[in-house]
Amino acid sequence: MRVQSVYLEVRRATSFMPILTYIAAGIFALIGLLHLGFALYDFSAKPRYFRPNDDDAMALLKRTHVELAGKGHDYFISTLGIHLCHAIGVVLFAIMILIEQSHEIVGMRPLLALVGLSYALIAWRFWSRRPLSASLVGTAVLFLSWL
């Protein structure tokens, strides 16, 4: 009788861990979907989110091409393509978190930790406080879900 009671106590204490995994995946999915929406919006005639705030710089970006692409799309459109790829990658990362949790693939955890921390490091170095905060919170919640 006592063994069953201890088992139920341990089970109750760990039953909220999958919820933390869903929260972590949700944070990264939200970041990715917002990024995707912003990038798609910026393909419109009046870009808003990933455009420079200087109209002269915007005109220059539209006249410039990426050297690697030769006479491909202008620099601004090329960067929007990079934003789209990045957004899809973040959404796929959220899906990987859910796959690891649902199939209990513990071997994926180091990879997920590395990706989450990499997003935080890249956000710290190159982006703004919002993606940095979201990456740190999402990664911290992910770590907590593994305890």
Protein backbone atom coordinates (compact mmCIF):
# COMPACT_ATOMS: atom_id res chain seq x y z
CA MET A 1 0.00 0.00 0.00
CA ARG A 2 2.82 2.44 0.87
CA VAL A 3 4.70 1.73 -2.41
CA GLN A 4 1.60 2.59 -4.43
CA SER A 5 1.19 5.82 -2.45
CA VAL A 6 4.81 6.84 -3.14
CA TYR A 7 4.36 6.00 -6.83
CA LEU A 8 1.26 8.19 -7.05
CA GLU A 9 3.07 11.07 -5.31
CA VAL A 10 6.00 10.88 -7.76
CA ARG A 11 3.62 10.62 -10.71
CA ARG A 12 1.65 13.68 -9.53
CA ALA A 13 4.85 15.68 -9.07
CA THR A 14 6.07 14.98 -12.62
CA SER A 15 2.73 15.11 -14.45
CA PHE A 16 3.06 18.82 -15.23
CA MET A 17 6.40 18.34 -17.07
CA PRO A 18 4.75 17.69 -20.47
CA ILE A 19 2.90 20.97 -20.03
CA LEU A 20 6.25 22.75 -19.73
CA THR A 21 7.37 21.05 -22.94
CA TYR A 22 4.24 22.31 -24.71
CA ILE A 23 4.88 25.80 -23.36
CA ALA A 24 8.50 25.75 -24.61
CA ALA A 25 7.41 24.49 -28.03
CA GLY A 26 4.62 27.08 -28.08
CA ILE A 27 7.06 29.91 -27.39
CA PHE A 28 9.30 28.88 -30.28
CA ALA A 29 6.32 28.21 -32.57
CA LEU A 30 4.94 31.66 -31.79
CA ILE A 31 8.30 33.31 -32.51
CA GLY A 32 8.59 31.42 -35.78
CA LEU A 33 5.03 32.09 -36.92
CA LEU A 34 5.26 35.79 -36.08
CA HIS A 35 8.55 36.01 -37.96
CA LEU A 36 6.96 34.21 -40.90
CA GLY A 37 3.97 36.56 -40.89
CA PHE A 38 6.16 39.66 -40.68
CA ALA A 39 8.37 38.47 -43.54
CA LEU A 40 5.37 37.63 -45.73
CA TYR A 41 3.84 41.03 -44.99
CA ASP A 42 7.06 42.74 -46.04
CA PHE A 43 6.70 41.32 -49.54
CA SER A 44 3.81 43.78 -49.93
CA ALA A 45 4.13 47.18 -51.56
CA LYS A 46 4.67 48.82 -48.14
CA PRO A 47 7.14 46.71 -46.12
CA ARG A 48 7.04 47.44 -42.41
CA TYR A 49 8.89 44.99 -40.22
CA PHE A 50 12.28 44.12 -41.73
CA ARG A 51 12.87 47.26 -43.74
CA PRO A 52 15.42 49.86 -42.74
CA ASN A 53 13.92 52.95 -41.11
CA ASP A 54 15.88 55.15 -43.54
CA ASP A 55 14.11 55.50 -46.92
CA ASP A 56 17.43 56.20 -48.65
CA ALA A 57 18.85 52.96 -47.29
CA MET A 58 15.75 51.10 -48.51
CA ALA A 59 16.21 52.51 -52.00
CA LEU A 60 19.85 51.44 -51.93
CA LEU A 61 18.93 47.91 -50.82
CA LYS A 62 16.49 47.64 -53.72
CA ARG A 63 19.21 48.73 -56.18
CA THR A 64 21.83 46.33 -54.78
CA HIS A 65 22.20 42.61 -55.48
CA VAL A 66 23.88 39.88 -53.50
CA GLU A 67 27.25 39.18 -55.11
CA LEU A 68 26.81 35.43 -54.78
CA ALA A 69 23.51 35.55 -56.69
CA GLY A 70 24.78 37.78 -59.49
CA LYS A 71 21.82 39.41 -61.16
CA GLY A 72 19.27 37.72 -58.92
CA HIS A 73 16.74 39.50 -56.74
CA ASP A 74 17.57 42.77 -55.05
CA TYR A 75 19.20 42.71 -51.62
CA PHE A 76 16.01 43.51 -49.70
CA ILE A 77 14.03 40.69 -51.33
CA SER A 78 16.97 38.33 -50.75
CA THR A 79 16.97 39.13 -47.03
CA LEU A 80 13.23 38.49 -46.88
CA GLY A 81 13.91 35.03 -48.29
CA ILE A 82 16.42 34.49 -45.49
CA HIS A 83 13.80 35.60 -42.96
CA LEU A 84 11.32 33.09 -44.41
CA CYS A 85 13.85 30.25 -44.14
CA HIS A 86 14.71 31.26 -40.58
CA ALA A 87 11.04 31.39 -39.58
CA ILE A 88 10.41 27.92 -40.99
CA GLY A 89 13.47 26.65 -39.08
CA VAL A 90 12.15 28.00 -35.78
CA VAL A 91 8.73 26.39 -36.37
CA LEU A 92 10.47 23.09 -37.19
CA PHE A 93 12.46 23.43 -33.97
CA ALA A 94 9.19 23.72 -32.04
CA ILE A 95 7.95 20.57 -33.80
CA MET A 96 11.19 18.77 -32.87
CA ILE A 97 10.55 19.64 -29.22
CA LEU A 98 7.10 18.08 -29.43
CA ILE A 99 8.43 14.97 -31.19
CA GLU A 100 11.06 14.48 -28.50
CA GLN A 101 8.44 14.79 -25.77
CA SER A 102 5.84 12.54 -27.38
CA HIS A 103 8.29 9.76 -28.28
CA GLU A 104 10.63 10.27 -25.31
CA ILE A 105 13.74 10.45 -27.50
CA VAL A 106 16.12 11.45 -24.73
CA GLY A 107 19.04 11.39 -27.18
CA MET A 108 17.54 14.45 -28.91
CA ARG A 109 17.79 16.57 -25.79
CA PRO A 110 21.43 17.66 -26.27
CA LEU A 111 20.61 18.75 -29.83
CA LEU A 112 17.52 20.64 -28.68
CA ALA A 113 19.52 22.29 -25.90
CA LEU A 114 22.22 23.29 -28.38
CA VAL A 115 19.69 24.76 -30.82
CA GLY A 116 17.83 26.66 -28.10
CA LEU A 117 21.03 28.09 -26.65
CA SER A 118 22.28 28.90 -30.17
CA TYR A 119 19.12 30.90 -30.87
CA ALA A 120 19.66 32.79 -27.61
CA LEU A 121 23.32 33.46 -28.41
CA ILE A 122 22.53 34.62 -31.95
CA ALA A 123 19.69 36.80 -30.65
CA TRP A 124 22.04 38.36 -28.08
CA ARG A 125 24.69 39.07 -30.69
CA PHE A 126 22.63 40.09 -33.74
CA TRP A 127 18.97 40.68 -32.94
CA SER A 128 16.99 42.63 -30.36
CA ARG A 129 15.85 42.05 -26.77
CA ARG A 130 12.48 40.54 -27.72
CA PRO A 131 13.81 37.50 -29.59
CA LEU A 132 16.59 37.18 -27.00
CA SER A 133 14.07 37.11 -24.14
CA ALA A 134 11.78 34.69 -25.95
CA SER A 135 14.69 32.37 -26.81
CA LEU A 136 15.99 32.41 -23.24
CA VAL A 137 12.56 31.81 -21.72
CA GLY A 138 11.72 29.07 -24.23
CA THR A 139 15.03 27.31 -23.63
CA ALA A 140 14.78 27.68 -19.84
CA VAL A 141 11.26 26.21 -19.84
CA LEU A 142 12.52 23.37 -22.04
CA PHE A 143 15.30 22.62 -19.53
CA LEU A 144 12.78 22.71 -16.66
CA SER A 145 10.58 20.22 -18.49
CA TRP A 146 13.45 17.71 -18.44
CA LEU A 147 13.86 17.76 -14.65
